[in-house]
Amino acid sequence: MKKGLWIGAMVGLGVLAVSAFTLVTMYLWNWLVPSLFEGPVIDFWQTLGLLVLSKIFFSGFGKGGHSHNNKWRGYWKEKWHTMSPEEKERFKQKMKDKWCYRAPSQTDTNANG
């Protein structure tokens, strides 16, 4: 009997948490969107629908929502461990050049000029 009560309490707590999150989201939407973007006022069920749709779009149905990244993580981990130290340095430099662009500062331009 205690197990059934515990399961019921957890289900009730889950429903309460989802309802509270939906209400907070609805109030924030109805406070901001109509005045800032002239968007519609939405009710509880529309808000819940938007939250579910956002979950599907941004997380998918995978375990933990990040299943699409796991296959690449193993691939790159294996590849990294098979690289020589020189290859690792070249790879790091290539990624730094590609993703860490920094506009030349005034001192860089004077030093090169």
Protein backbone atom coordinates (compact mmCIF):
# COMPACT_ATOMS: atom_id res chain seq x y z
CA MET A 1 0.00 0.00 0.00
CA LYS A 2 2.86 2.39 0.75
CA LYS A 3 4.33 1.84 -2.72
CA GLY A 4 1.03 2.76 -4.38
CA LEU A 5 0.75 5.89 -2.27
CA TRP A 6 4.32 6.87 -3.12
CA ILE A 7 3.71 6.37 -6.88
CA GLY A 8 0.50 8.42 -6.66
CA ALA A 9 2.32 11.20 -4.82
CA MET A 10 5.10 11.27 -7.44
CA VAL A 11 2.59 11.39 -10.31
CA GLY A 12 0.72 14.19 -8.53
CA LEU A 13 3.97 16.06 -7.95
CA GLY A 14 4.87 15.66 -11.63
CA VAL A 15 1.49 16.99 -12.77
CA LEU A 16 1.83 19.90 -10.33
CA ALA A 17 5.35 20.72 -11.59
CA VAL A 18 4.31 20.62 -15.26
CA SER A 19 1.24 22.75 -14.51
CA ALA A 20 3.31 25.31 -12.59
CA PHE A 21 5.92 25.53 -15.37
CA THR A 22 3.16 25.90 -17.97
CA LEU A 23 1.43 28.65 -15.97
CA VAL A 24 4.67 30.59 -15.46
CA THR A 25 5.44 30.31 -19.18
CA MET A 26 1.89 31.40 -20.09
CA TYR A 27 2.03 34.44 -17.80
CA LEU A 28 5.44 35.46 -19.14
CA TRP A 29 4.26 35.04 -22.73
CA ASN A 30 1.07 37.01 -22.14
CA TRP A 31 2.99 39.74 -20.34
CA LEU A 32 5.74 40.17 -22.95
CA VAL A 33 4.71 38.97 -26.41
CA PRO A 34 1.51 41.02 -26.96
CA SER A 35 3.13 44.29 -25.89
CA LEU A 36 6.54 43.76 -27.54
CA PHE A 37 5.61 41.96 -30.76
CA GLU A 38 1.85 42.46 -31.02
CA GLY A 39 1.50 38.69 -30.76
CA PRO A 40 -1.49 36.73 -29.51
CA VAL A 41 -2.53 36.08 -25.94
CA ILE A 42 -2.48 32.31 -25.32
CA ASP A 43 -4.27 30.06 -22.84
CA PHE A 44 -2.99 27.18 -20.69
CA TRP A 45 -3.47 24.43 -23.31
CA GLN A 46 -1.84 26.45 -26.09
CA THR A 47 1.11 27.11 -23.79
CA LEU A 48 1.41 23.42 -22.94
CA GLY A 49 1.27 22.61 -26.66
CA LEU A 50 4.05 25.11 -27.38
CA LEU A 51 6.21 23.61 -24.63
CA VAL A 52 5.72 20.08 -25.99
CA LEU A 53 6.43 21.28 -29.54
CA SER A 54 9.60 23.04 -28.34
CA LYS A 55 10.73 19.86 -26.62
CA ILE A 56 10.23 17.89 -29.83
CA PHE A 57 11.98 20.46 -32.03
CA PHE A 58 14.95 21.23 -29.81
CA SER A 59 15.51 17.94 -27.97
CA GLY A 60 13.95 15.27 -30.11
CA PHE A 61 12.80 11.96 -28.72
CA GLY A 62 16.27 10.58 -27.89
CA LYS A 63 17.42 9.53 -24.47
CA GLY A 64 18.31 12.68 -22.56
CA GLY A 65 17.69 14.75 -25.67
CA HIS A 66 21.30 14.54 -26.85
CA SER A 67 21.47 11.16 -28.57
CA HIS A 68 22.51 12.68 -31.90
CA ASN A 69 25.81 13.88 -30.39
CA ASN A 70 26.90 10.57 -28.87
CA LYS A 71 27.92 8.91 -32.15
CA TRP A 72 30.30 11.76 -33.00
CA ARG A 73 31.77 11.98 -29.52
CA GLY A 74 33.07 8.39 -29.74
CA TYR A 75 34.38 8.95 -33.26
CA TRP A 76 36.38 12.07 -32.35
CA LYS A 77 37.63 10.58 -29.09
CA GLU A 78 39.00 7.58 -30.98
CA LYS A 79 40.49 9.80 -33.68
CA TRP A 80 42.14 12.08 -31.10
CA HIS A 81 43.80 9.18 -29.29
CA THR A 82 45.29 7.84 -32.54
CA MET A 83 46.83 11.21 -33.54
CA SER A 84 50.49 11.97 -33.05
CA PRO A 85 51.42 15.04 -30.96
CA GLU A 86 52.22 16.97 -34.17
CA GLU A 87 48.84 16.09 -35.68
CA LYS A 88 47.11 17.18 -32.47
CA GLU A 89 48.89 20.55 -32.58
CA ARG A 90 47.97 21.06 -36.25
CA PHE A 91 44.37 20.14 -35.49
CA LYS A 92 44.24 22.54 -32.52
CA GLN A 93 45.71 25.34 -34.61
CA LYS A 94 43.28 24.68 -37.45
CA MET A 95 40.30 24.81 -35.05
CA LYS A 96 41.66 27.94 -33.40
CA ASP A 97 42.10 29.65 -36.78
CA LYS A 98 38.62 28.61 -37.87
CA TRP A 99 36.62 29.34 -34.71
CA CYS A 100 38.63 31.80 -32.62
CA TYR A 101 38.92 34.69 -35.03
CA ARG A 102 40.15 37.87 -33.40
CA ALA A 103 40.25 41.16 -35.26
CA PRO A 104 43.76 42.62 -35.28
CA SER A 105 44.19 45.23 -32.58
CA GLN A 106 45.92 48.56 -33.02
CA THR A 107 49.16 47.19 -31.51
CA ASP A 108 49.11 44.20 -33.91
CA THR A 109 48.80 46.52 -36.88
CA ASN A 110 51.66 48.74 -35.70
CA ALA A 111 53.91 45.74 -35.06
CA ASN A 112 53.24 44.32 -38.54
CA GLY A 113 53.50 47.65 -40.34
